[in-house]
Amino acid sequence: MLLSRYGQVEYVMESEVSSGVRMILKALEKDREQRHWEMWIARFPHMDKKTFVPFSQFYKPGATIEESGGLPRSKEEILADAEMILASLRKGGT
């Protein structure tokens, strides 16, 4: 799955070592970006003007998830998000 962007894995395996390593690193970075995008999309409906973070700030290539504002978060932050979600569900009548 990781190397699906290059078609068959044999293409990468038959490449020179340096080219193969670059392709694998690129695939890893794209996979990481996709995971960050999915996290950001999940948070987006719960953002308001105060808490909005553009994806360009949320995702920082090469940074760890912690450095880019992703998980892990403190217990208090998680509980605050849970309370916000519950409040929005109650408000929506669900």
N, C-alpha and C. Protein backbone atom coordinates (compact mmCIF):
# COMPACT_ATOMS: atom_id res chain seq x y z
N MET A 1 0.83 -1.20 0.00
CA MET A 1 0.00 0.00 0.00
C MET A 1 0.87 1.26 0.00
N LEU A 2 1.91 1.23 0.80
CA LEU A 2 2.77 2.39 0.93
C LEU A 2 3.39 2.80 -0.40
N LEU A 3 3.81 1.83 -1.19
CA LEU A 3 4.48 2.13 -2.46
C LEU A 3 3.52 2.02 -3.64
N SER A 4 2.23 2.02 -3.40
CA SER A 4 1.26 1.87 -4.49
C SER A 4 1.36 2.99 -5.52
N ARG A 5 1.88 4.14 -5.13
CA ARG A 5 2.03 5.25 -6.06
C ARG A 5 3.02 4.93 -7.17
N TYR A 6 3.87 3.93 -6.97
CA TYR A 6 4.88 3.56 -7.96
C TYR A 6 4.48 2.33 -8.76
N GLY A 7 3.23 1.95 -8.68
CA GLY A 7 2.79 0.77 -9.41
C GLY A 7 3.20 -0.48 -8.66
N GLN A 8 3.96 -1.31 -9.29
CA GLN A 8 4.38 -2.54 -8.66
C GLN A 8 5.65 -2.30 -7.84
N VAL A 9 5.79 -3.03 -6.77
CA VAL A 9 6.93 -2.89 -5.88
C VAL A 9 8.22 -3.26 -6.60
N GLU A 10 8.13 -4.09 -7.61
CA GLU A 10 9.34 -4.50 -8.34
C GLU A 10 10.05 -3.28 -8.94
N TYR A 11 9.29 -2.28 -9.35
CA TYR A 11 9.90 -1.07 -9.92
C TYR A 11 10.85 -0.43 -8.92
N VAL A 12 10.42 -0.35 -7.67
CA VAL A 12 11.25 0.23 -6.62
C VAL A 12 12.41 -0.70 -6.30
N MET A 13 12.13 -1.99 -6.20
CA MET A 13 13.16 -2.96 -5.85
C MET A 13 14.26 -3.06 -6.91
N GLU A 14 13.92 -2.81 -8.17
CA GLU A 14 14.89 -2.90 -9.25
C GLU A 14 15.64 -1.59 -9.48
N SER A 15 15.26 -0.54 -8.80
CA SER A 15 15.92 0.75 -8.93
C SER A 15 17.26 0.73 -8.21
N GLU A 16 18.09 1.73 -8.50
CA GLU A 16 19.32 1.88 -7.74
C GLU A 16 18.95 2.12 -6.28
N VAL A 17 19.85 1.77 -5.39
CA VAL A 17 19.57 1.88 -3.96
C VAL A 17 19.16 3.31 -3.58
N SER A 18 19.92 4.29 -4.05
CA SER A 18 19.62 5.68 -3.67
C SER A 18 18.25 6.11 -4.21
N SER A 19 17.92 5.70 -5.42
CA SER A 19 16.60 6.04 -5.98
C SER A 19 15.50 5.33 -5.22
N GLY A 20 15.72 4.06 -4.91
CA GLY A 20 14.73 3.30 -4.15
C GLY A 20 14.48 3.89 -2.78
N VAL A 21 15.55 4.30 -2.11
CA VAL A 21 15.41 4.92 -0.79
C VAL A 21 14.64 6.23 -0.89
N ARG A 22 14.94 7.04 -1.92
CA ARG A 22 14.21 8.31 -2.10
C ARG A 22 12.72 8.05 -2.33
N MET A 23 12.40 7.02 -3.14
CA MET A 23 10.99 6.70 -3.39
C MET A 23 10.29 6.24 -2.12
N ILE A 24 10.96 5.43 -1.33
CA ILE A 24 10.38 4.95 -0.08
C ILE A 24 10.17 6.12 0.88
N LEU A 25 11.15 7.01 1.00
CA LEU A 25 11.01 8.17 1.88
C LEU A 25 9.88 9.08 1.43
N LYS A 26 9.75 9.27 0.13
CA LYS A 26 8.67 10.10 -0.41
C LYS A 26 7.32 9.46 -0.10
N ALA A 27 7.23 8.14 -0.28
CA ALA A 27 5.99 7.43 0.02
C ALA A 27 5.64 7.54 1.50
N LEU A 28 6.63 7.43 2.36
CA LEU A 28 6.39 7.57 3.80
C LEU A 28 5.89 8.97 4.14
N GLU A 29 6.50 9.99 3.54
CA GLU A 29 6.08 11.37 3.80
C GLU A 29 4.65 11.61 3.31
N LYS A 30 4.31 11.08 2.14
CA LYS A 30 2.95 11.25 1.62
C LYS A 30 1.93 10.52 2.50
N ASP A 31 2.31 9.35 3.00
CA ASP A 31 1.44 8.61 3.92
C ASP A 31 1.22 9.41 5.20
N ARG A 32 2.29 9.98 5.71
CA ARG A 32 2.22 10.81 6.92
C ARG A 32 1.34 12.03 6.69
N GLU A 33 1.49 12.67 5.54
CA GLU A 33 0.66 13.83 5.21
C GLU A 33 -0.81 13.43 5.14
N GLN A 34 -1.10 12.28 4.56
CA GLN A 34 -2.48 11.81 4.47
C GLN A 34 -3.08 11.57 5.86
N ARG A 35 -2.30 10.98 6.76
CA ARG A 35 -2.79 10.75 8.13
C ARG A 35 -3.06 12.07 8.84
N HIS A 36 -2.18 13.05 8.65
CA HIS A 36 -2.40 14.37 9.24
C HIS A 36 -3.66 15.02 8.65
N TRP A 37 -3.86 14.88 7.35
CA TRP A 37 -5.05 15.45 6.69
C TRP A 37 -6.31 14.85 7.30
N GLU A 38 -6.32 13.54 7.49
CA GLU A 38 -7.49 12.88 8.07
C GLU A 38 -7.74 13.34 9.50
N MET A 39 -6.66 13.54 10.28
CA MET A 39 -6.82 14.07 11.64
C MET A 39 -7.38 15.48 11.60
N TRP A 40 -6.86 16.31 10.68
CA TRP A 40 -7.31 17.70 10.59
C TRP A 40 -8.77 17.76 10.16
N ILE A 41 -9.15 16.93 9.19
CA ILE A 41 -10.54 16.89 8.73
C ILE A 41 -11.47 16.47 9.86
N ALA A 42 -11.04 15.53 10.69
CA ALA A 42 -11.87 15.09 11.82
C ALA A 42 -12.05 16.22 12.84
N ARG A 43 -11.05 17.05 13.00
CA ARG A 43 -11.12 18.16 13.95
C ARG A 43 -11.85 19.38 13.38
N PHE A 44 -11.85 19.53 12.07
CA PHE A 44 -12.37 20.74 11.43
C PHE A 44 -13.79 21.11 11.86
N PRO A 45 -14.74 20.17 11.89
CA PRO A 45 -16.11 20.57 12.28
C PRO A 45 -16.21 21.13 13.69
N HIS A 46 -15.23 20.85 14.52
CA HIS A 46 -15.27 21.29 15.91
C HIS A 46 -14.44 22.54 16.16
N MET A 47 -13.89 23.10 15.10
CA MET A 47 -13.10 24.32 15.24
C MET A 47 -14.02 25.54 15.15
N ASP A 48 -13.65 26.59 15.86
CA ASP A 48 -14.34 27.86 15.72
C ASP A 48 -13.29 28.92 15.41
N LYS A 49 -13.68 30.19 15.45
CA LYS A 49 -12.72 31.23 15.10
C LYS A 49 -11.51 31.25 16.02
N LYS A 50 -11.69 30.88 17.29
CA LYS A 50 -10.58 30.89 18.24
C LYS A 50 -9.66 29.68 18.07
N THR A 51 -10.25 28.54 17.76
CA THR A 51 -9.47 27.30 17.75
C THR A 51 -9.05 26.86 16.35
N PHE A 52 -9.47 27.59 15.31
CA PHE A 52 -9.14 27.19 13.94
C PHE A 52 -7.63 27.21 13.71
N VAL A 53 -7.14 26.13 13.13
CA VAL A 53 -5.74 26.02 12.74
C VAL A 53 -5.73 25.60 11.28
N PRO A 54 -5.17 26.41 10.38
CA PRO A 54 -5.12 26.00 8.97
C PRO A 54 -4.25 24.75 8.81
N PHE A 55 -4.59 23.94 7.82
CA PHE A 55 -3.84 22.70 7.61
C PHE A 55 -2.36 22.98 7.40
N SER A 56 -2.04 24.10 6.75
CA SER A 56 -0.63 24.44 6.50
C SER A 56 0.16 24.61 7.80
N GLN A 57 -0.52 24.97 8.89
CA GLN A 57 0.15 25.07 10.18
C GLN A 57 0.07 23.76 10.95
N PHE A 58 -1.03 23.03 10.77
CA PHE A 58 -1.22 21.75 11.45
C PHE A 58 -0.22 20.72 10.95
N TYR A 59 0.04 20.73 9.64
CA TYR A 59 0.97 19.77 9.04
C TYR A 59 2.28 20.46 8.71
N LYS A 60 3.32 19.99 9.31
CA LYS A 60 4.65 20.51 9.04
C LYS A 60 5.51 19.35 8.57
N PRO A 61 5.84 19.29 7.28
CA PRO A 61 6.63 18.17 6.77
C PRO A 61 7.91 17.98 7.57
N GLY A 62 8.19 16.73 7.88
CA GLY A 62 9.41 16.41 8.60
C GLY A 62 9.28 16.50 10.11
N ALA A 63 8.23 17.16 10.61
CA ALA A 63 8.04 17.29 12.05
C ALA A 63 7.32 16.06 12.58
N THR A 64 7.50 15.80 13.86
CA THR A 64 6.75 14.70 14.46
C THR A 64 5.31 15.16 14.65
N ILE A 65 4.44 14.23 14.92
CA ILE A 65 3.04 14.59 15.15
C ILE A 65 2.92 15.56 16.31
N GLU A 66 3.71 15.33 17.36
CA GLU A 66 3.66 16.21 18.52
C GLU A 66 4.09 17.63 18.15
N GLU A 67 5.14 17.76 17.34
CA GLU A 67 5.65 19.07 16.96
C GLU A 67 4.69 19.81 16.03
N SER A 68 3.88 19.08 15.30
CA SER A 68 2.99 19.73 14.34
C SER A 68 1.61 20.00 14.91
N GLY A 69 1.45 19.80 16.19
CA GLY A 69 0.16 20.11 16.81
C GLY A 69 -0.79 18.94 16.82
N GLY A 70 -0.36 17.77 16.45
CA GLY A 70 -1.21 16.60 16.45
C GLY A 70 -1.19 15.91 17.80
N LEU A 71 -1.59 14.68 17.81
CA LEU A 71 -1.59 13.90 19.03
C LEU A 71 -0.18 13.54 19.42
N PRO A 72 0.17 13.21 20.62
CA PRO A 72 -0.72 13.11 21.76
C PRO A 72 -1.02 14.46 22.38
N ARG A 73 -2.16 14.52 23.02
CA ARG A 73 -2.57 15.75 23.68
C ARG A 73 -2.76 15.46 25.17
N SER A 74 -2.86 16.52 25.93
CA SER A 74 -3.05 16.33 27.37
C SER A 74 -4.45 15.79 27.65
N LYS A 75 -4.60 15.21 28.82
CA LYS A 75 -5.90 14.68 29.25
C LYS A 75 -6.95 15.80 29.26
N GLU A 76 -6.54 16.97 29.71
CA GLU A 76 -7.47 18.10 29.79
C GLU A 76 -7.97 18.52 28.40
N GLU A 77 -7.06 18.54 27.41
CA GLU A 77 -7.45 18.89 26.04
C GLU A 77 -8.43 17.87 25.47
N ILE A 78 -8.17 16.61 25.72
CA ILE A 78 -9.05 15.55 25.22
C ILE A 78 -10.42 15.64 25.86
N LEU A 79 -10.45 15.85 27.18
CA LEU A 79 -11.73 15.98 27.88
C LEU A 79 -12.49 17.22 27.42
N ALA A 80 -11.79 18.32 27.16
CA ALA A 80 -12.45 19.53 26.66
C ALA A 80 -13.07 19.27 25.29
N ASP A 81 -12.35 18.55 24.42
CA ASP A 81 -12.91 18.20 23.11
C ASP A 81 -14.13 17.31 23.26
N ALA A 82 -14.05 16.35 24.19
CA ALA A 82 -15.18 15.44 24.41
C ALA A 82 -16.40 16.21 24.90
N GLU A 83 -16.19 17.15 25.81
CA GLU A 83 -17.30 17.98 26.30
C GLU A 83 -17.91 18.81 25.17
N MET A 84 -17.06 19.35 24.30
CA MET A 84 -17.54 20.15 23.17
C MET A 84 -18.38 19.28 22.22
N ILE A 85 -17.93 18.07 21.97
CA ILE A 85 -18.66 17.16 21.09
C ILE A 85 -20.00 16.80 21.72
N LEU A 86 -20.00 16.47 23.01
CA LEU A 86 -21.25 16.14 23.69
C LEU A 86 -22.22 17.32 23.67
N ALA A 87 -21.70 18.52 23.91
CA ALA A 87 -22.57 19.71 23.89
C ALA A 87 -23.18 19.92 22.51
N SER A 88 -22.38 19.72 21.47
CA SER A 88 -22.92 19.91 20.12
C SER A 88 -23.95 18.84 19.78
N LEU A 89 -23.77 17.63 20.30
CA LEU A 89 -24.76 16.58 20.08
C LEU A 89 -26.06 16.87 20.81
N ARG A 90 -25.93 17.38 22.03
CA ARG A 90 -27.13 17.73 22.81
C ARG A 90 -27.89 18.88 22.14
N LYS A 91 -27.14 19.85 21.66
CA LYS A 91 -27.74 21.01 21.00
C LYS A 91 -28.47 20.58 19.72
N GLY A 92 -27.91 19.62 19.03
CA GLY A 92 -28.50 19.14 17.77
C GLY A 92 -29.70 18.24 17.99
N GLY A 93 -29.99 17.88 19.25
CA GLY A 93 -31.16 17.07 19.55
C GLY A 93 -30.94 15.59 19.27
N THR A 94 -29.69 15.18 19.14
CA THR A 94 -29.43 13.77 18.85
C THR A 94 -29.17 13.01 20.13
